[in-house]
Amino acid sequence: FKTPESTGTLIKMLGDPNKLVRQS
């Protein structure tokens, strides 16, 4: 989904404590 909400959530997940999550 190319929406501000989905994009914003993906950006937030770049700071996830799990490396595999951040890479994904």
mmCIF file of all heavy atoms, coordinates in Angstrom:
data_MODEL
# 
_entry.id   MODEL 
# 
loop_
_atom_site.group_PDB 
_atom_site.id 
_atom_site.type_symbol 
_atom_site.label_atom_id 
_atom_site.label_alt_id 
_atom_site.label_comp_id 
_atom_site.label_asym_id 
_atom_site.label_entity_id 
_atom_site.label_seq_id 
_atom_site.pdbx_PDB_ins_code 
_atom_site.Cartn_x 
_atom_site.Cartn_y 
_atom_site.Cartn_z 
_atom_site.occupancy 
_atom_site.B_iso_or_equiv 
_atom_site.pdbx_formal_charge 
_atom_site.auth_seq_id 
_atom_site.auth_comp_id 
_atom_site.auth_asym_id 
_atom_site.auth_atom_id 
_atom_site.pdbx_PDB_model_num 
ATOM 1   N N   . PHE A 1 1  ? 0.826  -1.201  0.000  1.00 0.00 ? 1  PHE A N   1 
ATOM 2   C CA  . PHE A 1 1  ? 0.000  0.000   0.000  1.00 0.00 ? 1  PHE A CA  1 
ATOM 3   C C   . PHE A 1 1  ? 0.867  1.260   0.000  1.00 0.00 ? 1  PHE A C   1 
ATOM 4   O O   . PHE A 1 1  ? 1.619  1.502   0.933  1.00 0.00 ? 1  PHE A O   1 
ATOM 5   C CB  . PHE A 1 1  ? -0.926 -0.001  1.217  1.00 0.00 ? 1  PHE A CB  1 
ATOM 6   C CG  . PHE A 1 1  ? -1.695 -1.292  1.378  1.00 0.00 ? 1  PHE A CG  1 
ATOM 7   C CD1 . PHE A 1 1  ? -1.462 -2.118  2.462  1.00 0.00 ? 1  PHE A CD1 1 
ATOM 8   C CD2 . PHE A 1 1  ? -2.634 -1.673  0.435  1.00 0.00 ? 1  PHE A CD2 1 
ATOM 9   C CE1 . PHE A 1 1  ? -2.157 -3.306  2.612  1.00 0.00 ? 1  PHE A CE1 1 
ATOM 10  C CE2 . PHE A 1 1  ? -3.339 -2.858  0.573  1.00 0.00 ? 1  PHE A CE2 1 
ATOM 11  C CZ  . PHE A 1 1  ? -3.101 -3.679  1.657  1.00 0.00 ? 1  PHE A CZ  1 
ATOM 12  N N   . LYS A 1 2  ? 0.747  2.026   -1.032 1.00 0.00 ? 2  LYS A N   1 
ATOM 13  C CA  . LYS A 1 2  ? 1.549  3.257   -1.155 1.00 0.00 ? 2  LYS A CA  1 
ATOM 14  C C   . LYS A 1 2  ? 0.770  4.432   -0.564 1.00 0.00 ? 2  LYS A C   1 
ATOM 15  O O   . LYS A 1 2  ? 0.245  5.300   -1.259 1.00 0.00 ? 2  LYS A O   1 
ATOM 16  C CB  . LYS A 1 2  ? 1.881  3.516   -2.628 1.00 0.00 ? 2  LYS A CB  1 
ATOM 17  C CG  . LYS A 1 2  ? 2.512  2.338   -3.354 1.00 0.00 ? 2  LYS A CG  1 
ATOM 18  C CD  . LYS A 1 2  ? 3.787  1.846   -2.681 1.00 0.00 ? 2  LYS A CD  1 
ATOM 19  C CE  . LYS A 1 2  ? 4.394  0.677   -3.446 1.00 0.00 ? 2  LYS A CE  1 
ATOM 20  N NZ  . LYS A 1 2  ? 5.603  0.146   -2.781 1.00 0.00 ? 2  LYS A NZ  1 
ATOM 21  N N   . THR A 1 3  ? 0.665  4.415   0.761  1.00 0.00 ? 3  THR A N   1 
ATOM 22  C CA  . THR A 1 3  ? -0.067 5.485   1.452  1.00 0.00 ? 3  THR A CA  1 
ATOM 23  C C   . THR A 1 3  ? 0.860  6.114   2.499  1.00 0.00 ? 3  THR A C   1 
ATOM 24  O O   . THR A 1 3  ? 1.845  5.490   2.934  1.00 0.00 ? 3  THR A O   1 
ATOM 25  C CB  . THR A 1 3  ? -1.313 4.935   2.164  1.00 0.00 ? 3  THR A CB  1 
ATOM 26  O OG1 . THR A 1 3  ? -0.891 4.118   3.270  1.00 0.00 ? 3  THR A OG1 1 
ATOM 27  C CG2 . THR A 1 3  ? -2.181 4.114   1.211  1.00 0.00 ? 3  THR A CG2 1 
ATOM 28  N N   . PRO A 1 4  ? 0.566  7.319   2.917  1.00 0.00 ? 4  PRO A N   1 
ATOM 29  C CA  . PRO A 1 4  ? 1.381  7.955   3.968  1.00 0.00 ? 4  PRO A CA  1 
ATOM 30  C C   . PRO A 1 4  ? 1.441  7.100   5.240  1.00 0.00 ? 4  PRO A C   1 
ATOM 31  O O   . PRO A 1 4  ? 2.490  7.034   5.895  1.00 0.00 ? 4  PRO A O   1 
ATOM 32  C CB  . PRO A 1 4  ? 0.658  9.283   4.215  1.00 0.00 ? 4  PRO A CB  1 
ATOM 33  C CG  . PRO A 1 4  ? -0.019 9.587   2.923  1.00 0.00 ? 4  PRO A CG  1 
ATOM 34  C CD  . PRO A 1 4  ? -0.462 8.254   2.390  1.00 0.00 ? 4  PRO A CD  1 
ATOM 35  N N   . GLU A 1 5  ? 0.342  6.467   5.583  1.00 0.00 ? 5  GLU A N   1 
ATOM 36  C CA  . GLU A 1 5  ? 0.307  5.657   6.801  1.00 0.00 ? 5  GLU A CA  1 
ATOM 37  C C   . GLU A 1 5  ? 1.231  4.444   6.692  1.00 0.00 ? 5  GLU A C   1 
ATOM 38  O O   . GLU A 1 5  ? 1.995  4.135   7.617  1.00 0.00 ? 5  GLU A O   1 
ATOM 39  C CB  . GLU A 1 5  ? -1.117 5.193   7.088  1.00 0.00 ? 5  GLU A CB  1 
ATOM 40  C CG  . GLU A 1 5  ? -1.252 4.457   8.427  1.00 0.00 ? 5  GLU A CG  1 
ATOM 41  C CD  . GLU A 1 5  ? -2.684 4.064   8.741  1.00 0.00 ? 5  GLU A CD  1 
ATOM 42  O OE1 . GLU A 1 5  ? -3.530 4.102   7.821  1.00 0.00 ? 5  GLU A OE1 1 
ATOM 43  O OE2 . GLU A 1 5  ? -2.962 3.714   9.900  1.00 0.00 ? 5  GLU A OE2 1 
ATOM 44  N N   . SER A 1 6  ? 1.186  3.745   5.551  1.00 0.00 ? 6  SER A N   1 
ATOM 45  C CA  . SER A 1 6  ? 2.041  2.564   5.391  1.00 0.00 ? 6  SER A CA  1 
ATOM 46  C C   . SER A 1 6  ? 3.507  2.970   5.283  1.00 0.00 ? 6  SER A C   1 
ATOM 47  O O   . SER A 1 6  ? 4.390  2.341   5.881  1.00 0.00 ? 6  SER A O   1 
ATOM 48  C CB  . SER A 1 6  ? 1.622  1.765   4.149  1.00 0.00 ? 6  SER A CB  1 
ATOM 49  O OG  . SER A 1 6  ? 1.746  2.551   2.972  1.00 0.00 ? 6  SER A OG  1 
ATOM 50  N N   . THR A 1 7  ? 3.769  4.033   4.530  1.00 0.00 ? 7  THR A N   1 
ATOM 51  C CA  . THR A 1 7  ? 5.158  4.513   4.384  1.00 0.00 ? 7  THR A CA  1 
ATOM 52  C C   . THR A 1 7  ? 5.720  4.975   5.724  1.00 0.00 ? 7  THR A C   1 
ATOM 53  O O   . THR A 1 7  ? 6.869  4.662   6.076  1.00 0.00 ? 7  THR A O   1 
ATOM 54  C CB  . THR A 1 7  ? 5.223  5.673   3.369  1.00 0.00 ? 7  THR A CB  1 
ATOM 55  O OG1 . THR A 1 7  ? 4.729  5.224   2.100  1.00 0.00 ? 7  THR A OG1 1 
ATOM 56  C CG2 . THR A 1 7  ? 6.655  6.156   3.204  1.00 0.00 ? 7  THR A CG2 1 
ATOM 57  N N   . GLY A 1 8  ? 4.919  5.691   6.478  1.00 0.00 ? 8  GLY A N   1 
ATOM 58  C CA  . GLY A 1 8  ? 5.366  6.164   7.785  1.00 0.00 ? 8  GLY A CA  1 
ATOM 59  C C   . GLY A 1 8  ? 5.664  5.020   8.733  1.00 0.00 ? 8  GLY A C   1 
ATOM 60  O O   . GLY A 1 8  ? 6.634  5.070   9.509  1.00 0.00 ? 8  GLY A O   1 
ATOM 61  N N   . THR A 1 9  ? 4.861  3.971   8.658  1.00 0.00 ? 9  THR A N   1 
ATOM 62  C CA  . THR A 1 9  ? 5.076  2.804   9.524  1.00 0.00 ? 9  THR A CA  1 
ATOM 63  C C   . THR A 1 9  ? 6.354  2.072   9.126  1.00 0.00 ? 9  THR A C   1 
ATOM 64  O O   . THR A 1 9  ? 7.125  1.623   9.985  1.00 0.00 ? 9  THR A O   1 
ATOM 65  C CB  . THR A 1 9  ? 3.870  1.841   9.445  1.00 0.00 ? 9  THR A CB  1 
ATOM 66  O OG1 . THR A 1 9  ? 2.682  2.559   9.791  1.00 0.00 ? 9  THR A OG1 1 
ATOM 67  C CG2 . THR A 1 9  ? 4.048  0.682   10.409 1.00 0.00 ? 9  THR A CG2 1 
ATOM 68  N N   . LEU A 1 10 ? 6.605  1.963   7.822  1.00 0.00 ? 10 LEU A N   1 
ATOM 69  C CA  . LEU A 1 10 ? 7.837  1.308   7.353  1.00 0.00 ? 10 LEU A CA  1 
ATOM 70  C C   . LEU A 1 10 ? 9.068  2.090   7.801  1.00 0.00 ? 10 LEU A C   1 
ATOM 71  O O   . LEU A 1 10 ? 10.081 1.498   8.206  1.00 0.00 ? 10 LEU A O   1 
ATOM 72  C CB  . LEU A 1 10 ? 7.810  1.179   5.825  1.00 0.00 ? 10 LEU A CB  1 
ATOM 73  C CG  . LEU A 1 10 ? 6.837  0.149   5.257  1.00 0.00 ? 10 LEU A CG  1 
ATOM 74  C CD1 . LEU A 1 10 ? 6.737  0.274   3.748  1.00 0.00 ? 10 LEU A CD1 1 
ATOM 75  C CD2 . LEU A 1 10 ? 7.270  -1.262  5.640  1.00 0.00 ? 10 LEU A CD2 1 
ATOM 76  N N   . ILE A 1 11 ? 8.978  3.401   7.744  1.00 0.00 ? 11 ILE A N   1 
ATOM 77  C CA  . ILE A 1 11 ? 10.102 4.237   8.199  1.00 0.00 ? 11 ILE A CA  1 
ATOM 78  C C   . ILE A 1 11 ? 10.332 4.026   9.700  1.00 0.00 ? 11 ILE A C   1 
ATOM 79  O O   . ILE A 1 11 ? 11.481 3.899   10.160 1.00 0.00 ? 11 ILE A O   1 
ATOM 80  C CB  . ILE A 1 11 ? 9.822  5.724   7.893  1.00 0.00 ? 11 ILE A CB  1 
ATOM 81  C CG1 . ILE A 1 11 ? 9.857  5.958   6.390  1.00 0.00 ? 11 ILE A CG1 1 
ATOM 82  C CG2 . ILE A 1 11 ? 10.832 6.627   8.605  1.00 0.00 ? 11 ILE A CG2 1 
ATOM 83  C CD1 . ILE A 1 11 ? 9.409  7.346   5.962  1.00 0.00 ? 11 ILE A CD1 1 
ATOM 84  N N   . LYS A 1 12 ? 9.256  3.976   10.441 1.00 0.00 ? 12 LYS A N   1 
ATOM 85  C CA  . LYS A 1 12 ? 9.362  3.742   11.889 1.00 0.00 ? 12 LYS A CA  1 
ATOM 86  C C   . LYS A 1 12 ? 10.032 2.401   12.173 1.00 0.00 ? 12 LYS A C   1 
ATOM 87  O O   . LYS A 1 12 ? 10.831 2.276   13.108 1.00 0.00 ? 12 LYS A O   1 
ATOM 88  C CB  . LYS A 1 12 ? 7.969  3.776   12.510 1.00 0.00 ? 12 LYS A CB  1 
ATOM 89  C CG  . LYS A 1 12 ? 7.944  3.485   14.006 1.00 0.00 ? 12 LYS A CG  1 
ATOM 90  C CD  . LYS A 1 12 ? 6.508  3.482   14.528 1.00 0.00 ? 12 LYS A CD  1 
ATOM 91  C CE  . LYS A 1 12 ? 6.469  3.085   16.001 1.00 0.00 ? 12 LYS A CE  1 
ATOM 92  N NZ  . LYS A 1 12 ? 5.070  3.026   16.514 1.00 0.00 ? 12 LYS A NZ  1 
ATOM 93  N N   . MET A 1 13 ? 9.745  1.393   11.333 1.00 0.00 ? 13 MET A N   1 
ATOM 94  C CA  . MET A 1 13 ? 10.282 0.049   11.567 1.00 0.00 ? 13 MET A CA  1 
ATOM 95  C C   . MET A 1 13 ? 11.757 -0.060  11.203 1.00 0.00 ? 13 MET A C   1 
ATOM 96  O O   . MET A 1 13 ? 12.410 -1.067  11.510 1.00 0.00 ? 13 MET A O   1 
ATOM 97  C CB  . MET A 1 13 ? 9.446  -0.990  10.815 1.00 0.00 ? 13 MET A CB  1 
ATOM 98  C CG  . MET A 1 13 ? 8.006  -1.067  11.328 1.00 0.00 ? 13 MET A CG  1 
ATOM 99  S SD  . MET A 1 13 ? 6.979  -2.298  10.507 1.00 0.00 ? 13 MET A SD  1 
ATOM 100 C CE  . MET A 1 13 ? 7.501  -3.791  11.384 1.00 0.00 ? 13 MET A CE  1 
ATOM 101 N N   . LEU A 1 14 ? 12.299 0.972   10.582 1.00 0.00 ? 14 LEU A N   1 
ATOM 102 C CA  . LEU A 1 14 ? 13.750 1.004   10.339 1.00 0.00 ? 14 LEU A CA  1 
ATOM 103 C C   . LEU A 1 14 ? 14.512 1.077   11.657 1.00 0.00 ? 14 LEU A C   1 
ATOM 104 O O   . LEU A 1 14 ? 15.709 0.793   11.713 1.00 0.00 ? 14 LEU A O   1 
ATOM 105 C CB  . LEU A 1 14 ? 14.110 2.199   9.453  1.00 0.00 ? 14 LEU A CB  1 
ATOM 106 C CG  . LEU A 1 14 ? 13.654 2.117   7.985  1.00 0.00 ? 14 LEU A CG  1 
ATOM 107 C CD1 . LEU A 1 14 ? 13.909 3.443   7.286  1.00 0.00 ? 14 LEU A CD1 1 
ATOM 108 C CD2 . LEU A 1 14 ? 14.390 0.985   7.275  1.00 0.00 ? 14 LEU A CD2 1 
ATOM 109 N N   . GLY A 1 15 ? 13.814 1.483   12.720 1.00 0.00 ? 15 GLY A N   1 
ATOM 110 C CA  . GLY A 1 15 ? 14.430 1.547   14.048 1.00 0.00 ? 15 GLY A CA  1 
ATOM 111 C C   . GLY A 1 15 ? 14.079 0.358   14.916 1.00 0.00 ? 15 GLY A C   1 
ATOM 112 O O   . GLY A 1 15 ? 14.306 0.392   16.138 1.00 0.00 ? 15 GLY A O   1 
ATOM 113 N N   . ASP A 1 16 ? 13.545 -0.680  14.318 1.00 0.00 ? 16 ASP A N   1 
ATOM 114 C CA  . ASP A 1 16 ? 13.170 -1.883  15.077 1.00 0.00 ? 16 ASP A CA  1 
ATOM 115 C C   . ASP A 1 16 ? 14.396 -2.505  15.742 1.00 0.00 ? 16 ASP A C   1 
ATOM 116 O O   . ASP A 1 16 ? 15.494 -2.500  15.167 1.00 0.00 ? 16 ASP A O   1 
ATOM 117 C CB  . ASP A 1 16 ? 12.527 -2.905  14.121 1.00 0.00 ? 16 ASP A CB  1 
ATOM 118 C CG  . ASP A 1 16 ? 11.825 -4.033  14.857 1.00 0.00 ? 16 ASP A CG  1 
ATOM 119 O OD1 . ASP A 1 16 ? 12.503 -5.007  15.279 1.00 0.00 ? 16 ASP A OD1 1 
ATOM 120 O OD2 . ASP A 1 16 ? 10.598 -3.945  15.025 1.00 0.00 ? 16 ASP A OD2 1 
ATOM 121 N N   . PRO A 1 17 ? 14.253 -3.050  16.946 1.00 0.00 ? 17 PRO A N   1 
ATOM 122 C CA  . PRO A 1 17 ? 15.397 -3.658  17.633 1.00 0.00 ? 17 PRO A CA  1 
ATOM 123 C C   . PRO A 1 17 ? 15.927 -4.925  16.954 1.00 0.00 ? 17 PRO A C   1 
ATOM 124 O O   . PRO A 1 17 ? 17.063 -5.348  17.217 1.00 0.00 ? 17 PRO A O   1 
ATOM 125 C CB  . PRO A 1 17 ? 14.841 -3.976  19.031 1.00 0.00 ? 17 PRO A CB  1 
ATOM 126 C CG  . PRO A 1 17 ? 13.358 -4.003  18.862 1.00 0.00 ? 17 PRO A CG  1 
ATOM 127 C CD  . PRO A 1 17 ? 13.058 -3.011  17.796 1.00 0.00 ? 17 PRO A CD  1 
ATOM 128 N N   . ASN A 1 18 ? 15.129 -5.527  16.070 1.00 0.00 ? 18 ASN A N   1 
ATOM 129 C CA  . ASN A 1 18 ? 15.568 -6.752  15.390 1.00 0.00 ? 18 ASN A CA  1 
ATOM 130 C C   . ASN A 1 18 ? 16.197 -6.411  14.034 1.00 0.00 ? 18 ASN A C   1 
ATOM 131 O O   . ASN A 1 18 ? 15.599 -5.711  13.220 1.00 0.00 ? 18 ASN A O   1 
ATOM 132 C CB  . ASN A 1 18 ? 14.376 -7.694  15.209 1.00 0.00 ? 18 ASN A CB  1 
ATOM 133 C CG  . ASN A 1 18 ? 14.769 -9.011  14.565 1.00 0.00 ? 18 ASN A CG  1 
ATOM 134 O OD1 . ASN A 1 18 ? 14.829 -9.132  13.352 1.00 0.00 ? 18 ASN A OD1 1 
ATOM 135 N ND2 . ASN A 1 18 ? 15.045 -10.002 15.408 1.00 0.00 ? 18 ASN A ND2 1 
ATOM 136 N N   . LYS A 1 19 ? 17.376 -6.952  13.786 1.00 0.00 ? 19 LYS A N   1 
ATOM 137 C CA  . LYS A 1 19 ? 18.117 -6.637  12.566 1.00 0.00 ? 19 LYS A CA  1 
ATOM 138 C C   . LYS A 1 19 ? 17.366 -7.062  11.309 1.00 0.00 ? 19 LYS A C   1 
ATOM 139 O O   . LYS A 1 19 ? 17.314 -6.330  10.310 1.00 0.00 ? 19 LYS A O   1 
ATOM 140 C CB  . LYS A 1 19 ? 19.492 -7.315  12.610 1.00 0.00 ? 19 LYS A CB  1 
ATOM 141 C CG  . LYS A 1 19 ? 20.361 -7.020  11.389 1.00 0.00 ? 19 LYS A CG  1 
ATOM 142 C CD  . LYS A 1 19 ? 21.720 -7.702  11.507 1.00 0.00 ? 19 LYS A CD  1 
ATOM 143 C CE  . LYS A 1 19 ? 22.579 -7.417  10.282 1.00 0.00 ? 19 LYS A CE  1 
ATOM 144 N NZ  . LYS A 1 19 ? 23.908 -8.082  10.381 1.00 0.00 ? 19 LYS A NZ  1 
ATOM 145 N N   . LEU A 1 20 ? 16.772 -8.269  11.336 1.00 0.00 ? 20 LEU A N   1 
ATOM 146 C CA  . LEU A 1 20 ? 16.063 -8.776  10.159 1.00 0.00 ? 20 LEU A CA  1 
ATOM 147 C C   . LEU A 1 20 ? 14.853 -7.904  9.825  1.00 0.00 ? 20 LEU A C   1 
ATOM 148 O O   . LEU A 1 20 ? 14.551 -7.650  8.653  1.00 0.00 ? 20 LEU A O   1 
ATOM 149 C CB  . LEU A 1 20 ? 15.616 -10.223 10.388 1.00 0.00 ? 20 LEU A CB  1 
ATOM 150 C CG  . LEU A 1 20 ? 14.989 -10.946 9.200  1.00 0.00 ? 20 LEU A CG  1 
ATOM 151 C CD1 . LEU A 1 20 ? 15.926 -10.947 8.005  1.00 0.00 ? 20 LEU A CD1 1 
ATOM 152 C CD2 . LEU A 1 20 ? 14.623 -12.378 9.568  1.00 0.00 ? 20 LEU A CD2 1 
ATOM 153 N N   . VAL A 1 21 ? 14.189 -7.409  10.855 1.00 0.00 ? 21 VAL A N   1 
ATOM 154 C CA  . VAL A 1 21 ? 13.044 -6.525  10.656 1.00 0.00 ? 21 VAL A CA  1 
ATOM 155 C C   . VAL A 1 21 ? 13.536 -5.218  9.995  1.00 0.00 ? 21 VAL A C   1 
ATOM 156 O O   . VAL A 1 21 ? 12.924 -4.720  9.047  1.00 0.00 ? 21 VAL A O   1 
ATOM 157 C CB  . VAL A 1 21 ? 12.325 -6.224  11.976 1.00 0.00 ? 21 VAL A CB  1 
ATOM 158 C CG1 . VAL A 1 21 ? 11.232 -5.174  11.760 1.00 0.00 ? 21 VAL A CG1 1 
ATOM 159 C CG2 . VAL A 1 21 ? 11.716 -7.507  12.550 1.00 0.00 ? 21 VAL A CG2 1 
ATOM 160 N N   . ARG A 1 22 ? 14.645 -4.679  10.510 1.00 0.00 ? 22 ARG A N   1 
ATOM 161 C CA  . ARG A 1 22 ? 15.175 -3.431  9.949  1.00 0.00 ? 22 ARG A CA  1 
ATOM 162 C C   . ARG A 1 22 ? 15.567 -3.630  8.491  1.00 0.00 ? 22 ARG A C   1 
ATOM 163 O O   . ARG A 1 22 ? 15.277 -2.777  7.644  1.00 0.00 ? 22 ARG A O   1 
ATOM 164 C CB  . ARG A 1 22 ? 16.396 -2.975  10.758 1.00 0.00 ? 22 ARG A CB  1 
ATOM 165 C CG  . ARG A 1 22 ? 16.095 -2.563  12.196 1.00 0.00 ? 22 ARG A CG  1 
ATOM 166 C CD  . ARG A 1 22 ? 17.225 -1.773  12.800 1.00 0.00 ? 22 ARG A CD  1 
ATOM 167 N NE  . ARG A 1 22 ? 18.495 -2.503  12.807 1.00 0.00 ? 22 ARG A NE  1 
ATOM 168 C CZ  . ARG A 1 22 ? 18.889 -3.320  13.778 1.00 0.00 ? 22 ARG A CZ  1 
ATOM 169 N NH1 . ARG A 1 22 ? 18.104 -3.524  14.844 1.00 0.00 ? 22 ARG A NH1 1 
ATOM 170 N NH2 . ARG A 1 22 ? 20.058 -3.932  13.724 1.00 0.00 ? 22 ARG A NH2 1 
ATOM 171 N N   . GLN A 1 23 ? 16.194 -4.749  8.191  1.00 0.00 ? 23 GLN A N   1 
ATOM 172 C CA  . GLN A 1 23 ? 16.607 -5.023  6.805  1.00 0.00 ? 23 GLN A CA  1 
ATOM 173 C C   . GLN A 1 23 ? 15.398 -5.166  5.890  1.00 0.00 ? 23 GLN A C   1 
ATOM 174 O O   . GLN A 1 23 ? 15.426 -4.678  4.747  1.00 0.00 ? 23 GLN A O   1 
ATOM 175 C CB  . GLN A 1 23 ? 17.445 -6.300  6.762  1.00 0.00 ? 23 GLN A CB  1 
ATOM 176 C CG  . GLN A 1 23 ? 18.836 -6.155  7.386  1.00 0.00 ? 23 GLN A CG  1 
ATOM 177 C CD  . GLN A 1 23 ? 19.588 -7.458  7.431  1.00 0.00 ? 23 GLN A CD  1 
ATOM 178 O OE1 . GLN A 1 23 ? 19.011 -8.548  7.409  1.00 0.00 ? 23 GLN A OE1 1 
ATOM 179 N NE2 . GLN A 1 23 ? 20.914 -7.370  7.498  1.00 0.00 ? 23 GLN A NE2 1 
ATOM 180 N N   . SER A 1 24 ? 14.362 -5.791  6.388  1.00 0.00 ? 24 SER A N   1 
ATOM 181 C CA  . SER A 1 24 ? 13.147 -5.977  5.585  1.00 0.00 ? 24 SER A CA  1 
ATOM 182 C C   . SER A 1 24 ? 12.474 -4.642  5.314  1.00 0.00 ? 24 SER A C   1 
ATOM 183 O O   . SER A 1 24 ? 11.980 -4.396  4.206  1.00 0.00 ? 24 SER A O   1 
ATOM 184 C CB  . SER A 1 24 ? 12.174 -6.915  6.303  1.00 0.00 ? 24 SER A CB  1 
ATOM 185 O OG  . SER A 1 24 ? 12.754 -8.205  6.482  1.00 0.00 ? 24 SER A OG  1 
# 
